[in-house]
Amino acid sequence: MDMMAMVSTMLAAQQGALQSNIAATLTKQNMDMEKSTILTLMGAGQPSLANVGPGVGGNLNVTA
């Protein structure tokens, strides 16, 4: 095998490893995003009162 063939093979292997690392990173980011979306849709954690009108979710005065 001549020198150029070895260099080309090494560069191709490095590029393949880089592409694999990028694919793994993107897959992890997508999975994290999906997890966050599912937790939001299921209402996990504290309930949010961000989209309700004023006075909703406050204390109710029942002394009347």
C-alpha atoms as a PDB file:
ATOM      1  CA  MET A   1       0.000   0.000   0.000  1.00  0.00           C
ATOM      2  CA  ASP A   2       1.502   3.327  -0.936  1.00  0.00           C
ATOM      3  CA  MET A   3       1.671   6.381   1.327  1.00  0.00           C
ATOM      4  CA  MET A   4      -1.267   8.280  -0.245  1.00  0.00           C
ATOM      5  CA  ALA A   5      -3.570   5.301   0.128  1.00  0.00           C
ATOM      6  CA  MET A   6      -2.722   5.016   3.828  1.00  0.00           C
ATOM      7  CA  VAL A   7      -3.273   8.739   4.366  1.00  0.00           C
ATOM      8  CA  SER A   8      -6.605   8.585   2.540  1.00  0.00           C
ATOM      9  CA  THR A   9      -7.678   5.603   4.620  1.00  0.00           C
ATOM     10  CA  MET A  10      -6.755   7.356   7.870  1.00  0.00           C
ATOM     11  CA  LEU A  11      -8.600  10.532   6.861  1.00  0.00           C
ATOM     12  CA  ALA A  12     -11.688   8.538   5.900  1.00  0.00           C
ATOM     13  CA  ALA A  13     -11.629   6.736   9.248  1.00  0.00           C
ATOM     14  CA  GLN A  14     -11.355  10.041  11.117  1.00  0.00           C
ATOM     15  CA  GLN A  15     -14.238  11.506   9.142  1.00  0.00           C
ATOM     16  CA  GLY A  16     -16.355   8.437   9.860  1.00  0.00           C
ATOM     17  CA  ALA A  17     -15.650   8.731  13.575  1.00  0.00           C
ATOM     18  CA  LEU A  18     -16.550  12.441  13.508  1.00  0.00           C
ATOM     19  CA  GLN A  19     -19.833  11.736  11.730  1.00  0.00           C
ATOM     20  CA  SER A  20     -20.660   9.033  14.278  1.00  0.00           C
ATOM     21  CA  ASN A  21     -19.996  11.420  17.163  1.00  0.00           C
ATOM     22  CA  ILE A  22     -22.159  14.118  15.602  1.00  0.00           C
ATOM     23  CA  ALA A  23     -24.976  11.636  14.983  1.00  0.00           C
ATOM     24  CA  ALA A  24     -24.824  10.423  18.588  1.00  0.00           C
ATOM     25  CA  THR A  25     -24.917  13.995  19.912  1.00  0.00           C
ATOM     26  CA  LEU A  26     -27.891  14.938  17.742  1.00  0.00           C
ATOM     27  CA  THR A  27     -29.751  11.776  18.713  1.00  0.00           C
ATOM     28  CA  LYS A  28     -29.235  12.517  22.416  1.00  0.00           C
ATOM     29  CA  GLN A  29     -30.431  16.100  21.972  1.00  0.00           C
ATOM     30  CA  ASN A  30     -33.531  14.912  20.125  1.00  0.00           C
ATOM     31  CA  MET A  31     -34.294  12.356  22.831  1.00  0.00           C
ATOM     32  CA  ASP A  32     -33.913  14.997  25.546  1.00  0.00           C
ATOM     33  CA  MET A  33     -36.254  17.320  23.644  1.00  0.00           C
ATOM     34  CA  GLU A  34     -38.846  14.559  23.232  1.00  0.00           C
ATOM     35  CA  LYS A  35     -38.632  13.760  26.945  1.00  0.00           C
ATOM     36  CA  SER A  36     -39.172  17.405  27.819  1.00  0.00           C
ATOM     37  CA  THR A  37     -42.139  17.629  25.449  1.00  0.00           C
ATOM     38  CA  ILE A  38     -43.772  14.523  26.903  1.00  0.00           C
ATOM     39  CA  LEU A  39     -43.290  15.746  30.472  1.00  0.00           C
ATOM     40  CA  THR A  40     -44.813  19.094  29.527  1.00  0.00           C
ATOM     41  CA  LEU A  41     -47.816  17.453  27.867  1.00  0.00           C
ATOM     42  CA  MET A  42     -48.358  15.127  30.812  1.00  0.00           C
ATOM     43  CA  GLY A  43     -48.228  18.042  33.229  1.00  0.00           C
ATOM     44  CA  ALA A  44     -45.349  16.675  35.256  1.00  0.00           C
ATOM     45  CA  GLY A  45     -43.942  18.923  37.920  1.00  0.00           C
ATOM     46  CA  GLN A  46     -45.645  22.036  39.206  1.00  0.00           C
ATOM     47  CA  PRO A  47     -48.846  23.097  37.469  1.00  0.00           C
ATOM     48  CA  SER A  48     -48.432  26.321  35.579  1.00  0.00           C
ATOM     49  CA  LEU A  49     -50.868  29.198  35.899  1.00  0.00           C
ATOM     50  CA  ALA A  50     -49.193  31.167  33.127  1.00  0.00           C
ATOM     51  CA  ASN A  51     -52.147  30.990  30.714  1.00  0.00           C
ATOM     52  CA  VAL A  52     -55.048  31.681  33.057  1.00  0.00           C
ATOM     53  CA  GLY A  53     -56.855  34.900  33.827  1.00  0.00           C
ATOM     54  CA  PRO A  54     -56.262  37.121  36.840  1.00  0.00           C
ATOM     55  CA  GLY A  55     -57.553  35.675  40.103  1.00  0.00           C
ATOM     56  CA  VAL A  56     -57.637  32.092  38.884  1.00  0.00           C
ATOM     57  CA  GLY A  57     -55.778  29.752  41.169  1.00  0.00           C
ATOM     58  CA  GLY A  58     -55.787  32.115  44.127  1.00  0.00           C
ATOM     59  CA  ASN A  59     -57.360  31.610  47.522  1.00  0.00           C
ATOM     60  CA  LEU A  60     -61.141  31.381  47.678  1.00  0.00           C
ATOM     61  CA  ASN A  61     -63.005  33.373  50.277  1.00  0.00           C
ATOM     62  CA  VAL A  62     -65.897  31.202  51.518  1.00  0.00           C
ATOM     63  CA  THR A  63     -66.911  33.237  54.582  1.00  0.00           C
ATOM     64  CA  ALA A  64     -69.954  34.759  52.854  1.00  0.00           C
END
